[in-house]
Amino acid sequence: MSKEECLRDNKRNMMAVQDSMDVLSGKWKISIISSICYYNQRRFSDILNDVVGISNKMLSKELKELEINKLIKRTVLDTQPITVQYTLTDHGKTLQTIINNLTDWGIEHRKKIIED
């Protein structure tokens, strides 16, 4: 591979990382996706309880952004009171491996920090 091809590939890869970070950035999105991922479907109040420290307003904003980016699906159920459930879309499910890898890394990292 030539130097120019390598540079072009590196630039393309860095752009892909930036695109990913633009969609997943912020303090809450990964935690919200994780909550839905671990339980398959979650109600608003469930996610609010799972994601420590997030406000109602911020959760609502983040869920809308994740829905716009086609990572989650919002389903309104015909119940009294109305129930809203969130699930991962097929596209969102492609993040499950990443979530699992982050979980494994976080467990190992916590062990490493505690050991030292």
PDB file of N, CA and C in Angstrom:
ATOM      1  N   MET A   1       0.858  -1.173   0.000  1.00  0.00           N
ATOM      2  CA  MET A   1       0.000   0.000   0.000  1.00  0.00           C
ATOM      3  C   MET A   1       0.906   1.238   0.000  1.00  0.00           C
ATOM      4  N   SER A   2       0.578   2.159  -0.881  1.00  0.00           N
ATOM      5  CA  SER A   2       1.390   3.370  -0.966  1.00  0.00           C
ATOM      6  C   SER A   2       1.116   4.296   0.215  1.00  0.00           C
ATOM      7  N   LYS A   3       2.007   5.226   0.411  1.00  0.00           N
ATOM      8  CA  LYS A   3       1.848   6.190   1.499  1.00  0.00           C
ATOM      9  C   LYS A   3       0.567   6.998   1.320  1.00  0.00           C
ATOM     10  N   GLU A   4       0.258   7.374   0.089  1.00  0.00           N
ATOM     11  CA  GLU A   4      -0.953   8.142  -0.205  1.00  0.00           C
ATOM     12  C   GLU A   4      -2.215   7.338   0.112  1.00  0.00           C
ATOM     13  N   GLU A   5      -2.204   6.053  -0.247  1.00  0.00           N
ATOM     14  CA  GLU A   5      -3.350   5.185   0.051  1.00  0.00           C
ATOM     15  C   GLU A   5      -3.521   5.010   1.554  1.00  0.00           C
ATOM     16  N   CYS A   6      -2.417   4.852   2.230  1.00  0.00           N
ATOM     17  CA  CYS A   6      -2.455   4.697   3.682  1.00  0.00           C
ATOM     18  C   CYS A   6      -3.017   5.959   4.334  1.00  0.00           C
ATOM     19  N   LEU A   7      -2.562   7.117   3.906  1.00  0.00           N
ATOM     20  CA  LEU A   7      -3.064   8.384   4.437  1.00  0.00           C
ATOM     21  C   LEU A   7      -4.550   8.548   4.152  1.00  0.00           C
ATOM     22  N   ARG A   8      -4.979   8.179   2.952  1.00  0.00           N
ATOM     23  CA  ARG A   8      -6.393   8.276   2.576  1.00  0.00           C
ATOM     24  C   ARG A   8      -7.239   7.343   3.443  1.00  0.00           C
ATOM     25  N   ASP A   9      -6.755   6.116   3.661  1.00  0.00           N
ATOM     26  CA  ASP A   9      -7.472   5.170   4.523  1.00  0.00           C
ATOM     27  C   ASP A   9      -7.553   5.679   5.955  1.00  0.00           C
ATOM     28  N   ASN A  10      -6.445   6.208   6.454  1.00  0.00           N
ATOM     29  CA  ASN A  10      -6.436   6.743   7.811  1.00  0.00           C
ATOM     30  C   ASN A  10      -7.418   7.905   7.949  1.00  0.00           C
ATOM     31  N   LYS A  11      -7.451   8.767   6.961  1.00  0.00           N
ATOM     32  CA  LYS A  11      -8.376   9.908   6.994  1.00  0.00           C
ATOM     33  C   LYS A  11      -9.823   9.420   6.967  1.00  0.00           C
ATOM     34  N   ARG A  12     -10.102   8.441   6.106  1.00  0.00           N
ATOM     35  CA  ARG A  12     -11.451   7.863   6.037  1.00  0.00           C
ATOM     36  C   ARG A  12     -11.840   7.234   7.377  1.00  0.00           C
ATOM     37  N   ASN A  13     -10.916   6.503   7.980  1.00  0.00           N
ATOM     38  CA  ASN A  13     -11.182   5.869   9.271  1.00  0.00           C
ATOM     39  C   ASN A  13     -11.415   6.909  10.361  1.00  0.00           C
ATOM     40  N   MET A  14     -10.634   7.957  10.374  1.00  0.00           N
ATOM     41  CA  MET A  14     -10.823   9.011  11.372  1.00  0.00           C
ATOM     42  C   MET A  14     -12.173   9.707  11.174  1.00  0.00           C
ATOM     43  N   MET A  15     -12.580   9.890   9.927  1.00  0.00           N
ATOM     44  CA  MET A  15     -13.898  10.475   9.660  1.00  0.00           C
ATOM     45  C   MET A  15     -14.998   9.552  10.172  1.00  0.00           C
ATOM     46  N   ALA A  16     -14.821   8.248  10.021  1.00  0.00           N
ATOM     47  CA  ALA A  16     -15.812   7.278  10.502  1.00  0.00           C
ATOM     48  C   ALA A  16     -15.908   7.321  12.022  1.00  0.00           C
ATOM     49  N   VAL A  17     -14.763   7.432  12.690  1.00  0.00           N
ATOM     50  CA  VAL A  17     -14.773   7.548  14.152  1.00  0.00           C
ATOM     51  C   VAL A  17     -15.499   8.824  14.558  1.00  0.00           C
ATOM     52  N   GLN A  18     -15.211   9.922  13.877  1.00  0.00           N
ATOM     53  CA  GLN A  18     -15.870  11.193  14.203  1.00  0.00           C
ATOM     54  C   GLN A  18     -17.377  11.102  13.974  1.00  0.00           C
ATOM     55  N   ASP A  19     -17.790  10.470  12.884  1.00  0.00           N
ATOM     56  CA  ASP A  19     -19.226  10.277  12.629  1.00  0.00           C
ATOM     57  C   ASP A  19     -19.869   9.490  13.771  1.00  0.00           C
ATOM     58  N   SER A  20     -19.193   8.437  14.202  1.00  0.00           N
ATOM     59  CA  SER A  20     -19.712   7.621  15.307  1.00  0.00           C
ATOM     60  C   SER A  20     -19.816   8.444  16.582  1.00  0.00           C
ATOM     61  N   MET A  21     -18.786   9.206  16.876  1.00  0.00           N
ATOM     62  CA  MET A  21     -18.783  10.028  18.082  1.00  0.00           C
ATOM     63  C   MET A  21     -19.858  11.109  18.024  1.00  0.00           C
ATOM     64  N   ASP A  22     -20.117  11.651  16.842  1.00  0.00           N
ATOM     65  CA  ASP A  22     -21.177  12.656  16.712  1.00  0.00           C
ATOM     66  C   ASP A  22     -22.534  12.074  17.101  1.00  0.00           C
ATOM     67  N   VAL A  23     -22.779  10.825  16.735  1.00  0.00           N
ATOM     68  CA  VAL A  23     -24.061  10.184  17.038  1.00  0.00           C
ATOM     69  C   VAL A  23     -24.130   9.732  18.496  1.00  0.00           C
ATOM     70  N   LEU A  24     -23.018   9.245  19.035  1.00  0.00           N
ATOM     71  CA  LEU A  24     -23.021   8.624  20.362  1.00  0.00           C
ATOM     72  C   LEU A  24     -22.449   9.506  21.464  1.00  0.00           C
ATOM     73  N   SER A  25     -22.051  10.723  21.122  1.00  0.00           N
ATOM     74  CA  SER A  25     -21.369  11.565  22.096  1.00  0.00           C
ATOM     75  C   SER A  25     -22.302  12.061  23.196  1.00  0.00           C
ATOM     76  N   GLY A  26     -21.691  12.579  24.227  1.00  0.00           N
ATOM     77  CA  GLY A  26     -22.441  13.098  25.356  1.00  0.00           C
ATOM     78  C   GLY A  26     -22.352  12.156  26.532  1.00  0.00           C
ATOM     79  N   LYS A  27     -22.827  12.639  27.626  1.00  0.00           N
ATOM     80  CA  LYS A  27     -22.718  11.911  28.881  1.00  0.00           C
ATOM     81  C   LYS A  27     -23.688  10.735  28.976  1.00  0.00           C
ATOM     82  N   TRP A  28     -24.790  10.771  28.230  1.00  0.00           N
ATOM     83  CA  TRP A  28     -25.896   9.858  28.503  1.00  0.00           C
ATOM     84  C   TRP A  28     -26.195   8.811  27.443  1.00  0.00           C
ATOM     85  N   LYS A  29     -25.857   9.044  26.191  1.00  0.00           N
ATOM     86  CA  LYS A  29     -26.345   8.186  25.107  1.00  0.00           C
ATOM     87  C   LYS A  29     -25.934   6.725  25.248  1.00  0.00           C
ATOM     88  N   ILE A  30     -24.681   6.483  25.571  1.00  0.00           N
ATOM     89  CA  ILE A  30     -24.228   5.088  25.714  1.00  0.00           C
ATOM     90  C   ILE A  30     -24.972   4.407  26.856  1.00  0.00           C
ATOM     91  N   SER A  31     -25.193   5.135  27.955  1.00  0.00           N
ATOM     92  CA  SER A  31     -25.918   4.548  29.093  1.00  0.00           C
ATOM     93  C   SER A  31     -27.368   4.242  28.722  1.00  0.00           C
ATOM     94  N   ILE A  32     -27.984   5.124  27.965  1.00  0.00           N
ATOM     95  CA  ILE A  32     -29.376   4.901  27.532  1.00  0.00           C
ATOM     96  C   ILE A  32     -29.443   3.682  26.612  1.00  0.00           C
ATOM     97  N   ILE A  33     -28.551   3.630  25.647  1.00  0.00           N
ATOM     98  CA  ILE A  33     -28.518   2.485  24.729  1.00  0.00           C
ATOM     99  C   ILE A  33     -28.255   1.201  25.512  1.00  0.00           C
ATOM    100  N   SER A  34     -27.357   1.265  26.487  1.00  0.00           N
ATOM    101  CA  SER A  34     -27.048   0.085  27.308  1.00  0.00           C
ATOM    102  C   SER A  34     -28.277  -0.402  28.060  1.00  0.00           C
ATOM    103  N   SER A  35     -29.023   0.525  28.635  1.00  0.00           N
ATOM    104  CA  SER A  35     -30.240   0.156  29.367  1.00  0.00           C
ATOM    105  C   SER A  35     -31.206  -0.603  28.465  1.00  0.00           C
ATOM    106  N   ILE A  36     -31.419  -0.078  27.295  1.00  0.00           N
ATOM    107  CA  ILE A  36     -32.344  -0.722  26.350  1.00  0.00           C
ATOM    108  C   ILE A  36     -31.755  -2.047  25.865  1.00  0.00           C
ATOM    109  N   CYS A  37     -30.459  -2.057  25.625  1.00  0.00           N
ATOM    110  CA  CYS A  37     -29.774  -3.256  25.139  1.00  0.00           C
ATOM    111  C   CYS A  37     -29.867  -4.400  26.147  1.00  0.00           C
ATOM    112  N   TYR A  38     -29.607  -4.111  27.411  1.00  0.00           N
ATOM    113  CA  TYR A  38     -29.602  -5.156  28.430  1.00  0.00           C
ATOM    114  C   TYR A  38     -30.985  -5.741  28.684  1.00  0.00           C
ATOM    115  N   TYR A  39     -32.030  -4.927  28.525  1.00  0.00           N
ATOM    116  CA  TYR A  39     -33.382  -5.381  28.854  1.00  0.00           C
ATOM    117  C   TYR A  39     -34.267  -5.619  27.626  1.00  0.00           C
ATOM    118  N   ASN A  40     -33.768  -5.343  26.449  1.00  0.00           N
ATOM    119  CA  ASN A  40     -34.483  -5.484  25.174  1.00  0.00           C
ATOM    120  C   ASN A  40     -35.547  -4.418  24.939  1.00  0.00           C
ATOM    121  N   GLN A  41     -36.290  -4.066  25.954  1.00  0.00           N
ATOM    122  CA  GLN A  41     -37.243  -2.953  25.838  1.00  0.00           C
ATOM    123  C   GLN A  41     -37.365  -2.292  27.194  1.00  0.00           C
ATOM    124  N   ARG A  42     -37.518  -0.978  27.171  1.00  0.00           N
ATOM    125  CA  ARG A  42     -37.601  -0.219  28.414  1.00  0.00           C
ATOM    126  C   ARG A  42     -38.629   0.887  28.268  1.00  0.00           C
ATOM    127  N   ARG A  43     -39.276   1.170  29.383  1.00  0.00           N
ATOM    128  CA  ARG A  43     -40.156   2.332  29.446  1.00  0.00           C
ATOM    129  C   ARG A  43     -39.314   3.535  29.855  1.00  0.00           C
ATOM    130  N   PHE A  44     -39.860   4.727  29.638  1.00  0.00           N
ATOM    131  CA  PHE A  44     -39.169   5.961  29.979  1.00  0.00           C
ATOM    132  C   PHE A  44     -38.712   5.925  31.438  1.00  0.00           C
ATOM    133  N   SER A  45     -39.621   5.563  32.329  1.00  0.00           N
ATOM    134  CA  SER A  45     -39.301   5.559  33.761  1.00  0.00           C
ATOM    135  C   SER A  45     -38.226   4.533  34.099  1.00  0.00           C
ATOM    136  N   ASP A  46     -38.202   3.412  33.381  1.00  0.00           N
ATOM    137  CA  ASP A  46     -37.158   2.405  33.597  1.00  0.00           C
ATOM    138  C   ASP A  46     -35.785   2.983  33.257  1.00  0.00           C
ATOM    139  N   ILE A  47     -35.705   3.635  32.105  1.00  0.00           N
ATOM    140  CA  ILE A  47     -34.431   4.225  31.673  1.00  0.00           C
ATOM    141  C   ILE A  47     -34.019   5.321  32.651  1.00  0.00           C
ATOM    142  N   LEU A  48     -34.990   6.111  33.090  1.00  0.00           N
ATOM    143  CA  LEU A  48     -34.715   7.179  34.055  1.00  0.00           C
ATOM    144  C   LEU A  48     -34.099   6.609  35.334  1.00  0.00           C
ATOM    145  N   ASN A  49     -34.586   5.450  35.763  1.00  0.00           N
ATOM    146  CA  ASN A  49     -34.027   4.791  36.955  1.00  0.00           C
ATOM    147  C   ASN A  49     -32.667   4.156  36.683  1.00  0.00           C
ATOM    148  N   ASP A  50     -32.479   3.645  35.484  1.00  0.00           N
ATOM    149  CA  ASP A  50     -31.218   2.981  35.137  1.00  0.00           C
ATOM    150  C   ASP A  50     -30.060   3.975  35.000  1.00  0.00           C
ATOM    151  N   VAL A  51     -30.339   5.126  34.414  1.00  0.00           N
ATOM    152  CA  VAL A  51     -29.292   6.099  34.094  1.00  0.00           C
ATOM    153  C   VAL A  51     -29.219   7.121  35.232  1.00  0.00           C
ATOM    154  N   VAL A  52     -28.337   6.862  36.160  1.00  0.00           N
ATOM    155  CA  VAL A  52     -28.233   7.663  37.378  1.00  0.00           C
ATOM    156  C   VAL A  52     -27.816   9.096  37.041  1.00  0.00           C
ATOM    157  N   GLY A  53     -28.625  10.044  37.521  1.00  0.00           N
ATOM    158  CA  GLY A  53     -28.289  11.455  37.385  1.00  0.00           C
ATOM    159  C   GLY A  53     -28.924  12.178  36.218  1.00  0.00           C
ATOM    160  N   ILE A  54     -29.556  11.459  35.302  1.00  0.00           N
ATOM    161  CA  ILE A  54     -30.164  12.117  34.149  1.00  0.00           C
ATOM    162  C   ILE A  54     -31.517  12.698  34.551  1.00  0.00           C
ATOM    163  N   SER A  55     -31.846  13.858  33.996  1.00  0.00           N
ATOM    164  CA  SER A  55     -33.131  14.492  34.272  1.00  0.00           C
ATOM    165  C   SER A  55     -34.164  14.035  33.246  1.00  0.00           C
ATOM    166  N   ASN A  56     -35.437  14.241  33.569  1.00  0.00           N
ATOM    167  CA  ASN A  56     -36.520  13.917  32.624  1.00  0.00           C
ATOM    168  C   ASN A  56     -36.312  14.630  31.296  1.00  0.00           C
ATOM    169  N   LYS A  57     -35.995  15.911  31.377  1.00  0.00           N
ATOM    170  CA  LYS A  57     -35.840  16.726  30.178  1.00  0.00           C
ATOM    171  C   LYS A  57     -34.683  16.226  29.311  1.00  0.00           C
ATOM    172  N   MET A  58     -33.559  15.923  29.948  1.00  0.00           N
ATOM    173  CA  MET A  58     -32.394  15.451  29.206  1.00  0.00           C
ATOM    174  C   MET A  58     -32.653  14.069  28.610  1.00  0.00           C
ATOM    175  N   LEU A  59     -33.308  13.189  29.358  1.00  0.00           N
ATOM    176  CA  LEU A  59     -33.626  11.861  28.829  1.00  0.00           C
ATOM    177  C   LEU A  59     -34.529  11.987  27.612  1.00  0.00           C
ATOM    178  N   SER A  60     -35.523  12.828  27.698  1.00  0.00           N
ATOM    179  CA  SER A  60     -36.429  13.039  26.568  1.00  0.00           C
ATOM    180  C   SER A  60     -35.661  13.535  25.338  1.00  0.00           C
ATOM    181  N   LYS A  61     -34.769  14.486  25.535  1.00  0.00           N
ATOM    182  CA  LYS A  61     -33.958  15.039  24.432  1.00  0.00           C
ATOM    183  C   LYS A  61     -33.075  13.956  23.818  1.00  0.00           C
ATOM    184  N   GLU A  62     -32.399  13.200  24.667  1.00  0.00           N
ATOM    185  CA  GLU A  62     -31.490  12.171  24.171  1.00  0.00           C
ATOM    186  C   GLU A  62     -32.233  11.060  23.436  1.00  0.00           C
ATOM    187  N   LEU A  63     -33.385  10.658  23.965  1.00  0.00           N
ATOM    188  CA  LEU A  63     -34.189   9.636  23.288  1.00  0.00           C
ATOM    189  C   LEU A  63     -34.623  10.111  21.907  1.00  0.00           C
ATOM    190  N   LYS A  64     -35.019  11.379  21.791  1.00  0.00           N
ATOM    191  CA  LYS A  64     -35.410  11.921  20.479  1.00  0.00           C
ATOM    192  C   LYS A  64     -34.246  11.878  19.503  1.00  0.00           C
ATOM    193  N   GLU A  65     -33.042  12.241  19.982  1.00  0.00           N
ATOM    194  CA  GLU A  65     -31.871  12.210  19.104  1.00  0.00           C
ATOM    195  C   GLU A  65     -31.529  10.791  18.675  1.00  0.00           C
ATOM    196  N   LEU A  66     -31.629   9.844  19.596  1.00  0.00           N
ATOM    197  CA  LEU A  66     -31.360   8.450  19.241  1.00  0.00           C
ATOM    198  C   LEU A  66     -32.395   7.922  18.256  1.00  0.00           C
ATOM    199  N   GLU A  67     -33.638   8.381  18.396  1.00  0.00           N
ATOM    200  CA  GLU A  67     -34.683   7.982  17.452  1.00  0.00           C
ATOM    201  C   GLU A  67     -34.425   8.599  16.073  1.00  0.00           C
ATOM    202  N   ILE A  68     -34.033   9.855  16.032  1.00  0.00           N
ATOM    203  CA  ILE A  68     -33.708  10.517  14.760  1.00  0.00           C
ATOM    204  C   ILE A  68     -32.581   9.778  14.041  1.00  0.00           C
ATOM    205  N   ASN A  69     -31.616   9.292  14.824  1.00  0.00           N
ATOM    206  CA  ASN A  69     -30.486   8.569  14.241  1.00  0.00           C
ATOM    207  C   ASN A  69     -30.778   7.090  14.006  1.00  0.00           C
ATOM    208  N   LYS A  70     -32.040   6.713  14.158  1.00  0.00           N
ATOM    209  CA  LYS A  70     -32.521   5.369  13.837  1.00  0.00           C
ATOM    210  C   LYS A  70     -31.855   4.268  14.680  1.00  0.00           C
ATOM    211  N   LEU A  71     -31.509   4.610  15.925  1.00  0.00           N
ATOM    212  CA  LEU A  71     -30.914   3.630  16.823  1.00  0.00           C
ATOM    213  C   LEU A  71     -31.951   3.015  17.753  1.00  0.00           C
ATOM    214  N   ILE A  72     -32.999   3.765  18.053  1.00  0.00           N
ATOM    215  CA  ILE A  72     -34.075   3.247  18.896  1.00  0.00           C
ATOM    216  C   ILE A  72     -35.417   3.498  18.233  1.00  0.00           C
ATOM    217  N   LYS A  73     -36.393   2.704  18.651  1.00  0.00           N
ATOM    218  CA  LYS A  73     -37.761   2.848  18.172  1.00  0.00           C
ATOM    219  C   LYS A  73     -38.646   3.157  19.377  1.00  0.00           C
ATOM    220  N   ARG A  74     -39.499   4.124  19.227  1.00  0.00           N
ATOM    221  CA  ARG A  74     -40.448   4.535  20.266  1.00  0.00           C
ATOM    222  C   ARG A  74     -41.811   3.982  19.886  1.00  0.00           C
ATOM    223  N   THR A  75     -42.425   3.210  20.786  1.00  0.00           N
ATOM    224  CA  THR A  75     -43.730   2.615  20.534  1.00  0.00           C
ATOM    225  C   THR A  75     -44.694   3.065  21.627  1.00  0.00           C
ATOM    226  N   VAL A  76     -45.797   3.672  21.214  1.00  0.00           N
ATOM    227  CA  VAL A  76     -46.834   4.096  22.155  1.00  0.00           C
ATOM    228  C   VAL A  76     -47.880   2.992  22.220  1.00  0.00           C
ATOM    229  N   LEU A  77     -48.081   2.447  23.417  1.00  0.00           N
ATOM    230  CA  LEU A  77     -49.047   1.372  23.606  1.00  0.00           C
ATOM    231  C   LEU A  77     -50.395   1.954  24.023  1.00  0.00           C
ATOM    232  N   ASP A  78     -51.450   1.338  23.554  1.00  0.00           N
ATOM    233  CA  ASP A  78     -52.808   1.804  23.839  1.00  0.00           C
ATOM    234  C   ASP A  78     -53.256   1.263  25.199  1.00  0.00           C
ATOM    235  N   THR A  79     -52.721   1.870  26.245  1.00  0.00           N
ATOM    236  CA  THR A  79     -53.058   1.468  27.611  1.00  0.00           C
ATOM    237  C   THR A  79     -53.517   2.702  28.380  1.00  0.00           C
ATOM    238  N   GLN A  80     -54.060   2.479  29.549  1.00  0.00           N
ATOM    239  CA  GLN A  80     -54.436   3.583  30.430  1.00  0.00           C
ATOM    240  C   GLN A  80     -53.663   3.449  31.725  1.00  0.00           C
ATOM    241  N   PRO A  81     -52.795   4.352  32.089  1.00  0.00           N
ATOM    242  CA  PRO A  81     -52.319   5.468  31.255  1.00  0.00           C
ATOM    243  C   PRO A  81     -51.479   4.960  30.090  1.00  0.00           C
ATOM    244  N   ILE A  82     -51.269   5.837  29.127  1.00  0.00           N
ATOM    245  CA  ILE A  82     -50.499   5.474  27.937  1.00  0.00           C
ATOM    246  C   ILE A  82     -49.087   5.054  28.354  1.00  0.00           C
ATOM    247  N   THR A  83     -48.617   3.976  27.758  1.00  0.00           N
ATOM    248  CA  THR A  83     -47.277   3.472  28.016  1.00  0.00           C
ATOM    249  C   THR A  83     -46.437   3.650  26.758  1.00  0.00           C
ATOM    250  N   VAL A  84     -45.217   4.116  26.934  1.00  0.00           N
ATOM    251  CA  VAL A  84     -44.284   4.259  25.823  1.00  0.00           C
ATOM    252  C   VAL A  84     -43.109   3.329  26.083  1.00  0.00           C
ATOM    253  N   GLN A  85     -42.807   2.509  25.089  1.00  0.00           N
ATOM    254  CA  GLN A  85     -41.681   1.581  25.190  1.00  0.00           C
ATOM    255  C   GLN A  85     -40.627   1.941  24.161  1.00  0.00           C
ATOM    256  N   TYR A  86     -39.386   1.716  24.544  1.00  0.00           N
ATOM    257  CA  TYR A  86     -38.256   1.957  23.656  1.00  0.00           C
ATOM    258  C   TYR A  86     -37.531   0.642  23.423  1.00  0.00           C
ATOM    259  N   THR A  87     -37.206   0.376  22.165  1.00  0.00           N
ATOM    260  CA  THR A  87     -36.439  -0.803  21.779  1.00  0.00           C
ATOM    261  C   THR A  87     -35.348  -0.356  20.816  1.00  0.00           C
ATOM    262  N   LEU A  88     -34.334  -1.192  20.677  1.00  0.00           N
ATOM    263  CA  LEU A  88     -33.315  -0.922  19.671  1.00  0.00           C
ATOM    264  C   LEU A  88     -33.854  -1.299  18.304  1.00  0.00           C
ATOM    265  N   THR A  89     -33.553  -0.496  17.317  1.00  0.00           N
ATOM    266  CA  THR A  89     -33.858  -0.862  15.934  1.00  0.00           C
ATOM    267  C   THR A  89     -32.840  -1.913  15.499  1.00  0.00           C
ATOM    268  N   ASP A  90     -33.041  -2.477  14.320  1.00  0.00           N
ATOM    269  CA  ASP A  90     -32.041  -3.415  13.800  1.00  0.00           C
ATOM    270  C   ASP A  90     -30.686  -2.720  13.700  1.00  0.00           C
ATOM    271  N   HIS A  91     -30.707  -1.466  13.269  1.00  0.00           N
ATOM    272  CA  HIS A  91     -29.462  -0.693  13.180  1.00  0.00           C
ATOM    273  C   HIS A  91     -28.877  -0.478  14.579  1.00  0.00           C
ATOM    274  N   GLY A  92     -29.714  -0.180  15.547  1.00  0.00           N
ATOM    275  CA  GLY A  92     -29.260   0.010  16.927  1.00  0.00           C
ATOM    276  C   GLY A  92     -28.672  -1.256  17.517  1.00  0.00           C
ATOM    277  N   LYS A  93     -29.213  -2.396  17.119  1.00  0.00           N
ATOM    278  CA  LYS A  93     -28.706  -3.674  17.631  1.00  0.00           C
ATOM    279  C   LYS A  93     -27.277  -3.940  17.189  1.00  0.00           C
ATOM    280  N   THR A  94     -26.825  -3.257  16.143  1.00  0.00           N
ATOM    281  CA  THR A  94     -25.434  -3.421  15.719  1.00  0.00           C
ATOM    282  C   THR A  94     -24.469  -2.854  16.757  1.00  0.00           C
ATOM    283  N   LEU A  95     -24.983  -2.087  17.717  1.00  0.00           N
ATOM    284  CA  LEU A  95     -24.153  -1.544  18.794  1.00  0.00           C
ATOM    285  C   LEU A  95     -23.987  -2.523  19.958  1.00  0.00           C
ATOM    286  N   GLN A  96     -24.718  -3.629  19.960  1.00  0.00           N
ATOM    287  CA  GLN A  96     -24.662  -4.560  21.088  1.00  0.00           C
ATOM    288  C   GLN A  96     -23.254  -5.089  21.335  1.00  0.00           C
ATOM    289  N   THR A  97     -22.521  -5.401  20.290  1.00  0.00           N
ATOM    290  CA  THR A  97     -21.151  -5.883  20.455  1.00  0.00           C
ATOM    291  C   THR A  97     -20.285  -4.808  21.095  1.00  0.00           C
ATOM    292  N   ILE A  98     -20.474  -3.572  20.676  1.00  0.00           N
ATOM    293  CA  ILE A  98     -19.712  -2.458  21.247  1.00  0.00           C
ATOM    294  C   ILE A  98     -20.068  -2.289  22.720  1.00  0.00           C
ATOM    295  N   ILE A  99     -21.352  -2.359  23.049  1.00  0.00           N
ATOM    296  CA  ILE A  99     -21.800  -2.239  24.443  1.00  0.00           C
ATOM    297  C   ILE A  99     -21.195  -3.372  25.282  1.00  0.00           C
ATOM    298  N   ASN A 100     -21.233  -4.590  24.756  1.00  0.00           N
ATOM    299  CA  ASN A 100     -20.646  -5.730  25.469  1.00  0.00           C
ATOM    300  C   ASN A 100     -19.142  -5.548  25.668  1.00  0.00           C
ATOM    301  N   ASN A 101     -18.452  -5.049  24.634  1.00  0.00           N
ATOM    302  CA  ASN A 101     -17.016  -4.800  24.750  1.00  0.00           C
ATOM    303  C   ASN A 101     -16.734  -3.710  25.777  1.00  0.00           C
ATOM    304  N   LEU A 102     -17.535  -2.648  25.786  1.00  0.00           N
ATOM    305  CA  LEU A 102     -17.371  -1.594  26.789  1.00  0.00           C
ATOM    306  C   LEU A 102     -17.604  -2.132  28.194  1.00  0.00           C
ATOM    307  N   THR A 103     -18.606  -2.991  28.330  1.00  0.00           N
ATOM    308  CA  THR A 103     -18.893  -3.601  29.629  1.00  0.00           C
ATOM    309  C   THR A 103     -17.698  -4.421  30.112  1.00  0.00           C
ATOM    310  N   ASP A 104     -17.199  -5.279  29.239  1.00  0.00           N
ATOM    311  CA  ASP A 104     -16.049  -6.114  29.603  1.00  0.00           C
ATOM    312  C   ASP A 104     -14.844  -5.251  29.953  1.00  0.00           C
ATOM    313  N   TRP A 105     -14.580  -4.237  29.140  1.00  0.00           N
ATOM    314  CA  TRP A 105     -13.449  -3.357  29.392  1.00  0.00           C
ATOM    315  C   TRP A 105     -13.632  -2.626  30.724  1.00  0.00           C
ATOM    316  N   GLY A 106     -14.833  -2.144  30.992  1.00  0.00           N
ATOM    317  CA  GLY A 106     -15.109  -1.428  32.237  1.00  0.00           C
ATOM    318  C   GLY A 106     -14.903  -2.303  33.468  1.00  0.00           C
ATOM    319  N   ILE A 107     -15.319  -3.552  33.382  1.00  0.00           N
ATOM    320  CA  ILE A 107     -15.122  -4.493  34.496  1.00  0.00           C
ATOM    321  C   ILE A 107     -13.632  -4.704  34.737  1.00  0.00           C
ATOM    322  N   GLU A 108     -12.889  -4.944  33.667  1.00  0.00           N
ATOM    323  CA  GLU A 108     -11.443  -5.161  33.797  1.00  0.00           C
ATOM    324  C   GLU A 108     -10.733  -3.901  34.269  1.00  0.00           C
ATOM    325  N   HIS A 109     -11.153  -2.767  33.780  1.00  0.00           N
ATOM    326  CA  HIS A 109     -10.543  -1.495  34.184  1.00  0.00           C
ATOM    327  C   HIS A 109     -10.767  -1.233  35.674  1.00  0.00           C
ATOM    328  N   ARG A 110     -11.972  -1.482  36.146  1.00  0.00           N
ATOM    329  CA  ARG A 110     -12.277  -1.287  37.567  1.00  0.00           C
ATOM    330  C   ARG A 110     -11.389  -2.202  38.424  1.00  0.00           C
ATOM    331  N   LYS A 111     -11.228  -3.461  37.983  1.00  0.00           N
ATOM    332  CA  LYS A 111     -10.348  -4.384  38.708  1.00  0.00           C
ATOM    333  C   LYS A 111      -8.913  -3.850  38.739  1.00  0.00           C
ATOM    334  N   LYS A 112      -8.450  -3.359  37.612  1.00  0.00           N
ATOM    335  CA  LYS A 112      -7.088  -2.843  37.506  1.00  0.00           C
ATOM    336  C   LYS A 112      -6.879  -1.656  38.435  1.00  0.00           C
ATOM    337  N   ILE A 113      -7.827  -0.763  38.484  1.00  0.00           N
ATOM    338  CA  ILE A 113      -7.723   0.431  39.323  1.00  0.00           C
ATOM    339  C   ILE A 113      -7.741   0.045  40.817  1.00  0.00           C
ATOM    340  N   ILE A 114      -8.596  -0.900  41.159  1.00  0.00           N
ATOM    341  CA  ILE A 114      -8.705  -1.328  42.549  1.00  0.00           C
ATOM    342  C   ILE A 114      -7.457  -2.074  42.984  1.00  0.00           C
ATOM    343  N   GLU A 115      -6.868  -2.882  42.082  1.00  0.00           N
ATOM    344  CA  GLU A 115      -5.667  -3.670  42.406  1.00  0.00           C
ATOM    345  C   GLU A 115      -4.466  -2.782  42.695  1.00  0.00           C
ATOM    346  N   ASP A 116      -4.291  -1.746  41.912  1.00  0.00           N
ATOM    347  CA  ASP A 116      -3.085  -0.904  42.035  1.00  0.00           C
ATOM    348  C   ASP A 116      -3.121   0.019  43.210  1.00  0.00           C
TER     349      ASP A 116
END
